[in-house]
Amino acid sequence: MNSEIDISNTILKTKRLILRPWRNEDLDDFYEYASVDGVGQMAGWLPHESKETSKLILKSFIEGKKTFALEYKGKAIGSLGIEKYDEERFPELKDLRCREIGYVLSKDYWGQGLMPEAVSAVIDYLFKQVGLDAILCGHFLSNKQSERVQEKCGFRHYAYGTYRTKFDTIEDDEANILTRQEWIQAQRSRS
């Protein structure tokens, strides 16, 4: 089942990032990366055509209380949302406390290991603070960068499917899962 989430008073710090709730002052940074071709399409949405579009989405991030801004050197460079997973697609998870995460990063910061760093921090938060039993995370099969992030963070294959994007295409996707037990085991192996 989908657990309730409210990150409005949550700040996570990693070696290089601060994950925090979005603020209205982030509008310029958000529009800067969300308007770049090739960024949103990786997550199923088109580049923002205007700052007004970014403003509406930023408002939904703030009000939704489930999406972190990824701040790097004082600038918002991406987002990481803790979304509701599709309970109809995965009815077998109904007795577990679950959520699905999704993320996007400014093209200027790809390939620097920032997203695995952010995802790892959110995984720790969701298992330690929120008490989830499992976390889902998906990617389009064509999105090899996102696939690699999920592998680095311990997710394993769960199911293949399709996803209808906001620009009305159908993409083949892979849903991956990380359970609390798998995460604990991985923590022990690293020690």
C-alpha atoms as a PDB file:
ATOM      1  CA  MET A   1       0.000   0.000   0.000  1.00  0.00           C
ATOM      2  CA  ASN A   2       1.103   3.564  -0.555  1.00  0.00           C
ATOM      3  CA  SER A   3       2.395   5.135   2.656  1.00  0.00           C
ATOM      4  CA  GLU A   4       1.759   8.782   3.465  1.00  0.00           C
ATOM      5  CA  ILE A   5       4.683  11.118   2.801  1.00  0.00           C
ATOM      6  CA  ASP A   6       5.326  14.687   3.916  1.00  0.00           C
ATOM      7  CA  ILE A   7       8.836  16.017   3.366  1.00  0.00           C
ATOM      8  CA  SER A   8       7.944  19.649   4.130  1.00  0.00           C
ATOM      9  CA  ASN A   9      10.228  19.696   7.196  1.00  0.00           C
ATOM     10  CA  THR A  10      12.888  17.280   5.916  1.00  0.00           C
ATOM     11  CA  ILE A  11      16.413  18.197   4.871  1.00  0.00           C
ATOM     12  CA  LEU A  12      18.894  15.496   3.844  1.00  0.00           C
ATOM     13  CA  LYS A  13      22.594  16.197   3.396  1.00  0.00           C
ATOM     14  CA  THR A  14      25.075  14.155   1.419  1.00  0.00           C
ATOM     15  CA  LYS A  15      28.739  14.757   0.685  1.00  0.00           C
ATOM     16  CA  ARG A  16      27.886  17.225  -2.112  1.00  0.00           C
ATOM     17  CA  LEU A  17      24.123  17.807  -2.039  1.00  0.00           C
ATOM     18  CA  ILE A  18      21.343  19.190   0.095  1.00  0.00           C
ATOM     19  CA  LEU A  19      17.956  17.582  -0.542  1.00  0.00           C
ATOM     20  CA  ARG A  20      15.218  19.887   0.684  1.00  0.00           C
ATOM     21  CA  PRO A  21      11.665  20.974  -0.066  1.00  0.00           C
ATOM     22  CA  TRP A  22      11.235  23.236  -3.090  1.00  0.00           C
ATOM     23  CA  ARG A  23      10.802  26.978  -2.552  1.00  0.00           C
ATOM     24  CA  ASN A  24       9.310  29.682  -4.763  1.00  0.00           C
ATOM     25  CA  GLU A  25      12.787  31.231  -5.059  1.00  0.00           C
ATOM     26  CA  ASP A  26      13.895  28.117  -6.984  1.00  0.00           C
ATOM     27  CA  LEU A  27      11.830  29.069 -10.046  1.00  0.00           C
ATOM     28  CA  ASP A  28      14.745  30.350 -12.172  1.00  0.00           C
ATOM     29  CA  ASP A  29      16.924  27.321 -11.398  1.00  0.00           C
ATOM     30  CA  PHE A  30      14.031  24.947 -12.068  1.00  0.00           C
ATOM     31  CA  TYR A  31      13.139  26.550 -15.394  1.00  0.00           C
ATOM     32  CA  GLU A  32      16.813  26.614 -16.398  1.00  0.00           C
ATOM     33  CA  TYR A  33      17.139  22.824 -16.368  1.00  0.00           C
ATOM     34  CA  ALA A  34      13.504  21.857 -17.082  1.00  0.00           C
ATOM     35  CA  SER A  35      13.469  23.862 -20.328  1.00  0.00           C
ATOM     36  CA  VAL A  36      16.462  21.996 -21.806  1.00  0.00           C
ATOM     37  CA  ASP A  37      15.704  19.486 -24.557  1.00  0.00           C
ATOM     38  CA  GLY A  38      16.516  15.912 -23.561  1.00  0.00           C
ATOM     39  CA  VAL A  39      16.020  16.306 -19.808  1.00  0.00           C
ATOM     40  CA  GLY A  40      12.282  15.865 -19.277  1.00  0.00           C
ATOM     41  CA  GLN A  41      11.833  13.347 -22.063  1.00  0.00           C
ATOM     42  CA  MET A  42      13.920  10.871 -20.032  1.00  0.00           C
ATOM     43  CA  ALA A  43      11.174  11.023 -17.380  1.00  0.00           C
ATOM     44  CA  GLY A  44       8.174  11.242 -19.711  1.00  0.00           C
ATOM     45  CA  TRP A  45       7.567  15.000 -19.969  1.00  0.00           C
ATOM     46  CA  LEU A  46       8.442  17.666 -22.542  1.00  0.00           C
ATOM     47  CA  PRO A  47      10.798  20.586 -21.889  1.00  0.00           C
ATOM     48  CA  HIS A  48       9.052  23.524 -20.242  1.00  0.00           C
ATOM     49  CA  GLU A  49       8.159  26.090 -22.900  1.00  0.00           C
ATOM     50  CA  SER A  50       7.741  28.963 -20.470  1.00  0.00           C
ATOM     51  CA  LYS A  51       8.606  30.027 -16.966  1.00  0.00           C
ATOM     52  CA  GLU A  52       4.848  30.006 -16.301  1.00  0.00           C
ATOM     53  CA  THR A  53       4.800  26.226 -16.906  1.00  0.00           C
ATOM     54  CA  SER A  54       7.684  25.797 -14.462  1.00  0.00           C
ATOM     55  CA  LYS A  55       5.898  28.013 -11.943  1.00  0.00           C
ATOM     56  CA  LEU A  56       2.774  25.807 -12.002  1.00  0.00           C
ATOM     57  CA  ILE A  57       4.793  22.626 -11.572  1.00  0.00           C
ATOM     58  CA  LEU A  58       6.912  24.203  -8.830  1.00  0.00           C
ATOM     59  CA  LYS A  59       3.688  25.108  -7.017  1.00  0.00           C
ATOM     60  CA  SER A  60       2.565  21.467  -7.240  1.00  0.00           C
ATOM     61  CA  PHE A  61       5.950  20.331  -5.845  1.00  0.00           C
ATOM     62  CA  ILE A  62       5.599  22.686  -2.875  1.00  0.00           C
ATOM     63  CA  GLU A  63       1.960  21.819  -2.185  1.00  0.00           C
ATOM     64  CA  GLY A  64       2.453  18.070  -2.759  1.00  0.00           C
ATOM     65  CA  LYS A  65       5.113  17.846  -0.004  1.00  0.00           C
ATOM     66  CA  LYS A  66       6.724  14.802  -1.625  1.00  0.00           C
ATOM     67  CA  THR A  67       9.392  16.158  -3.983  1.00  0.00           C
ATOM     68  CA  PHE A  68      12.911  17.130  -2.969  1.00  0.00           C
ATOM     69  CA  ALA A  69      14.923  19.839  -4.689  1.00  0.00           C
ATOM     70  CA  LEU A  70      18.529  18.731  -5.235  1.00  0.00           C
ATOM     71  CA  GLU A  71      20.690  21.670  -4.260  1.00  0.00           C
ATOM     72  CA  TYR A  72      24.328  21.735  -5.362  1.00  0.00           C
ATOM     73  CA  LYS A  73      26.556  24.696  -4.485  1.00  0.00           C
ATOM     74  CA  GLY A  74      23.499  26.859  -3.718  1.00  0.00           C
ATOM     75  CA  LYS A  75      21.602  26.016  -6.922  1.00  0.00           C
ATOM     76  CA  ALA A  76      18.623  23.684  -7.518  1.00  0.00           C
ATOM     77  CA  ILE A  77      19.832  21.259 -10.200  1.00  0.00           C
ATOM     78  CA  GLY A  78      17.232  18.494 -10.087  1.00  0.00           C
ATOM     79  CA  SER A  79      14.352  16.884  -8.285  1.00  0.00           C
ATOM     80  CA  LEU A  80      13.562  13.608  -6.609  1.00  0.00           C
ATOM     81  CA  GLY A  81       9.916  12.742  -6.044  1.00  0.00           C
ATOM     82  CA  ILE A  82       8.473  10.125  -3.708  1.00  0.00           C
ATOM     83  CA  GLU A  83       5.461   9.147  -5.763  1.00  0.00           C
ATOM     84  CA  LYS A  84       2.558   6.784  -5.236  1.00  0.00           C
ATOM     85  CA  TYR A  85       3.179   3.504  -7.005  1.00  0.00           C
ATOM     86  CA  ASP A  86       0.517   1.908  -9.203  1.00  0.00           C
ATOM     87  CA  GLU A  87      -1.380  -0.346  -6.792  1.00  0.00           C
ATOM     88  CA  GLU A  88      -3.399  -1.889  -9.647  1.00  0.00           C
ATOM     89  CA  ARG A  89      -0.242  -2.904 -11.497  1.00  0.00           C
ATOM     90  CA  PHE A  90       1.357  -4.367  -8.354  1.00  0.00           C
ATOM     91  CA  PRO A  91      -1.484  -5.731  -6.165  1.00  0.00           C
ATOM     92  CA  GLU A  92       0.924  -8.217  -4.573  1.00  0.00           C
ATOM     93  CA  LEU A  93       2.531  -5.319  -2.653  1.00  0.00           C
ATOM     94  CA  LYS A  94      -0.728  -4.393  -0.867  1.00  0.00           C
ATOM     95  CA  ASP A  95       0.483  -5.659   2.526  1.00  0.00           C
ATOM     96  CA  LEU A  96       3.767  -3.744   2.331  1.00  0.00           C
ATOM     97  CA  ARG A  97       4.410  -0.061   3.010  1.00  0.00           C
ATOM     98  CA  CYS A  98       5.730   1.131  -0.360  1.00  0.00           C
ATOM     99  CA  ARG A  99       6.376   4.149  -2.537  1.00  0.00           C
ATOM    100  CA  GLU A 100       7.994   4.771  -5.899  1.00  0.00           C
ATOM    101  CA  ILE A 101      10.748   7.282  -6.506  1.00  0.00           C
ATOM    102  CA  GLY A 102      11.475   9.240  -9.657  1.00  0.00           C
ATOM    103  CA  TYR A 103      14.173  11.758 -10.407  1.00  0.00           C
ATOM    104  CA  VAL A 104      15.535  14.206 -12.937  1.00  0.00           C
ATOM    105  CA  LEU A 105      18.855  16.034 -13.091  1.00  0.00           C
ATOM    106  CA  SER A 106      20.064  19.058 -15.038  1.00  0.00           C
ATOM    107  CA  LYS A 107      21.997  17.952 -18.131  1.00  0.00           C
ATOM    108  CA  ASP A 108      24.931  20.091 -16.950  1.00  0.00           C
ATOM    109  CA  TYR A 109      25.482  17.668 -14.051  1.00  0.00           C
ATOM    110  CA  TRP A 110      25.065  14.282 -15.741  1.00  0.00           C
ATOM    111  CA  GLY A 111      27.840  11.733 -15.257  1.00  0.00           C
ATOM    112  CA  GLN A 112      29.183  13.113 -11.953  1.00  0.00           C
ATOM    113  CA  GLY A 113      27.592  10.561  -9.613  1.00  0.00           C
ATOM    114  CA  LEU A 114      25.244  13.125  -8.068  1.00  0.00           C
ATOM    115  CA  MET A 115      22.026  11.205  -8.693  1.00  0.00           C
ATOM    116  CA  PRO A 116      23.173   7.933  -7.059  1.00  0.00           C
ATOM    117  CA  GLU A 117      24.260  10.076  -4.094  1.00  0.00           C
ATOM    118  CA  ALA A 118      20.799  11.686  -3.874  1.00  0.00           C
ATOM    119  CA  VAL A 119      18.894   8.423  -4.401  1.00  0.00           C
ATOM    120  CA  SER A 120      20.955   6.685  -1.682  1.00  0.00           C
ATOM    121  CA  ALA A 121      20.124   9.457   0.790  1.00  0.00           C
ATOM    122  CA  VAL A 122      16.409   9.184   0.020  1.00  0.00           C
ATOM    123  CA  ILE A 123      16.513   5.381   0.328  1.00  0.00           C
ATOM    124  CA  ASP A 124      18.092   5.757   3.796  1.00  0.00           C
ATOM    125  CA  TYR A 125      15.415   8.289   4.752  1.00  0.00           C
ATOM    126  CA  LEU A 126      12.538   6.129   3.485  1.00  0.00           C
ATOM    127  CA  PHE A 127      13.708   2.996   5.269  1.00  0.00           C
ATOM    128  CA  LYS A 128      15.034   4.561   8.494  1.00  0.00           C
ATOM    129  CA  GLN A 129      12.681   7.510   9.086  1.00  0.00           C
ATOM    130  CA  VAL A 130       9.500   6.677   7.168  1.00  0.00           C
ATOM    131  CA  GLY A 131       9.637   2.923   7.784  1.00  0.00           C
ATOM    132  CA  LEU A 132       8.864   1.683   4.281  1.00  0.00           C
ATOM    133  CA  ASP A 133       9.086  -2.028   3.463  1.00  0.00           C
ATOM    134  CA  ALA A 134       9.934  -1.554  -0.221  1.00  0.00           C
ATOM    135  CA  ILE A 135      10.734   1.154  -2.768  1.00  0.00           C
ATOM    136  CA  LEU A 136       9.984   0.922  -6.475  1.00  0.00           C
ATOM    137  CA  CYS A 137      11.852   2.855  -9.144  1.00  0.00           C
ATOM    138  CA  GLY A 138      11.405   2.631 -12.891  1.00  0.00           C
ATOM    139  CA  HIS A 139      13.072   3.755 -16.084  1.00  0.00           C
ATOM    140  CA  PHE A 140      12.418   3.645 -19.801  1.00  0.00           C
ATOM    141  CA  LEU A 141      14.450   0.842 -21.382  1.00  0.00           C
ATOM    142  CA  SER A 142      16.170   3.447 -23.558  1.00  0.00           C
ATOM    143  CA  ASN A 143      17.333   5.409 -20.475  1.00  0.00           C
ATOM    144  CA  LYS A 144      20.604   3.668 -19.659  1.00  0.00           C
ATOM    145  CA  GLN A 145      21.756   6.418 -17.251  1.00  0.00           C
ATOM    146  CA  SER A 146      18.720   5.925 -15.024  1.00  0.00           C
ATOM    147  CA  GLU A 147      19.115   2.157 -15.230  1.00  0.00           C
ATOM    148  CA  ARG A 148      22.705   2.542 -14.014  1.00  0.00           C
ATOM    149  CA  VAL A 149      21.683   4.818 -11.101  1.00  0.00           C
ATOM    150  CA  GLN A 150      19.201   2.193  -9.946  1.00  0.00           C
ATOM    151  CA  GLU A 151      21.768  -0.622 -10.204  1.00  0.00           C
ATOM    152  CA  LYS A 152      24.294   1.395  -8.174  1.00  0.00           C
ATOM    153  CA  CYS A 153      21.660   1.999  -5.485  1.00  0.00           C
ATOM    154  CA  GLY A 154      20.771  -1.677  -5.083  1.00  0.00           C
ATOM    155  CA  PHE A 155      17.504  -1.920  -6.988  1.00  0.00           C
ATOM    156  CA  ARG A 156      16.773  -5.196  -8.781  1.00  0.00           C
ATOM    157  CA  HIS A 157      14.483  -6.052 -11.683  1.00  0.00           C
ATOM    158  CA  TYR A 158      10.839  -6.478 -10.741  1.00  0.00           C
ATOM    159  CA  ALA A 159       8.686  -6.177 -13.895  1.00  0.00           C
ATOM    160  CA  TYR A 160       8.588  -4.943 -17.456  1.00  0.00           C
ATOM    161  CA  GLY A 161       5.720  -2.851 -18.753  1.00  0.00           C
ATOM    162  CA  THR A 162       4.776   0.220 -20.735  1.00  0.00           C
ATOM    163  CA  TYR A 163       4.289   3.843 -19.754  1.00  0.00           C
ATOM    164  CA  ARG A 164       2.214   6.531 -21.459  1.00  0.00           C
ATOM    165  CA  THR A 165       4.209   9.772 -21.408  1.00  0.00           C
ATOM    166  CA  LYS A 166       2.757  13.238 -20.932  1.00  0.00           C
ATOM    167  CA  PHE A 167       3.426  13.826 -24.649  1.00  0.00           C
ATOM    168  CA  ASP A 168       1.338  10.762 -25.543  1.00  0.00           C
ATOM    169  CA  THR A 169       3.939   8.228 -26.586  1.00  0.00           C
ATOM    170  CA  ILE A 170       4.153   4.705 -25.194  1.00  0.00           C
ATOM    171  CA  GLU A 171       7.552   3.749 -23.773  1.00  0.00           C
ATOM    172  CA  ASP A 172       8.739   0.300 -22.728  1.00  0.00           C
ATOM    173  CA  ASP A 173       9.817   0.462 -19.122  1.00  0.00           C
ATOM    174  CA  GLU A 174      11.316  -1.580 -16.347  1.00  0.00           C
ATOM    175  CA  ALA A 175      10.158  -1.403 -12.733  1.00  0.00           C
ATOM    176  CA  ASN A 176      12.838  -2.171 -10.177  1.00  0.00           C
ATOM    177  CA  ILE A 177      12.455  -2.788  -6.470  1.00  0.00           C
ATOM    178  CA  LEU A 178      14.533  -2.538  -3.319  1.00  0.00           C
ATOM    179  CA  THR A 179      13.166  -4.112  -0.143  1.00  0.00           C
ATOM    180  CA  ARG A 180      14.099  -3.093   3.367  1.00  0.00           C
ATOM    181  CA  GLN A 181      15.647  -6.570   3.936  1.00  0.00           C
ATOM    182  CA  GLU A 182      17.816  -6.278   0.806  1.00  0.00           C
ATOM    183  CA  TRP A 183      18.902  -2.800   1.858  1.00  0.00           C
ATOM    184  CA  ILE A 184      19.802  -3.973   5.404  1.00  0.00           C
ATOM    185  CA  GLN A 185      21.757  -6.897   3.950  1.00  0.00           C
ATOM    186  CA  ALA A 186      23.680  -4.543   1.626  1.00  0.00           C
ATOM    187  CA  GLN A 187      24.464  -2.236   4.586  1.00  0.00           C
ATOM    188  CA  ARG A 188      25.862  -5.201   6.550  1.00  0.00           C
ATOM    189  CA  SER A 189      28.007  -6.357   3.613  1.00  0.00           C
ATOM    190  CA  ARG A 190      29.584  -2.900   3.322  1.00  0.00           C
ATOM    191  CA  SER A 191      30.501  -2.853   7.021  1.00  0.00           C
END
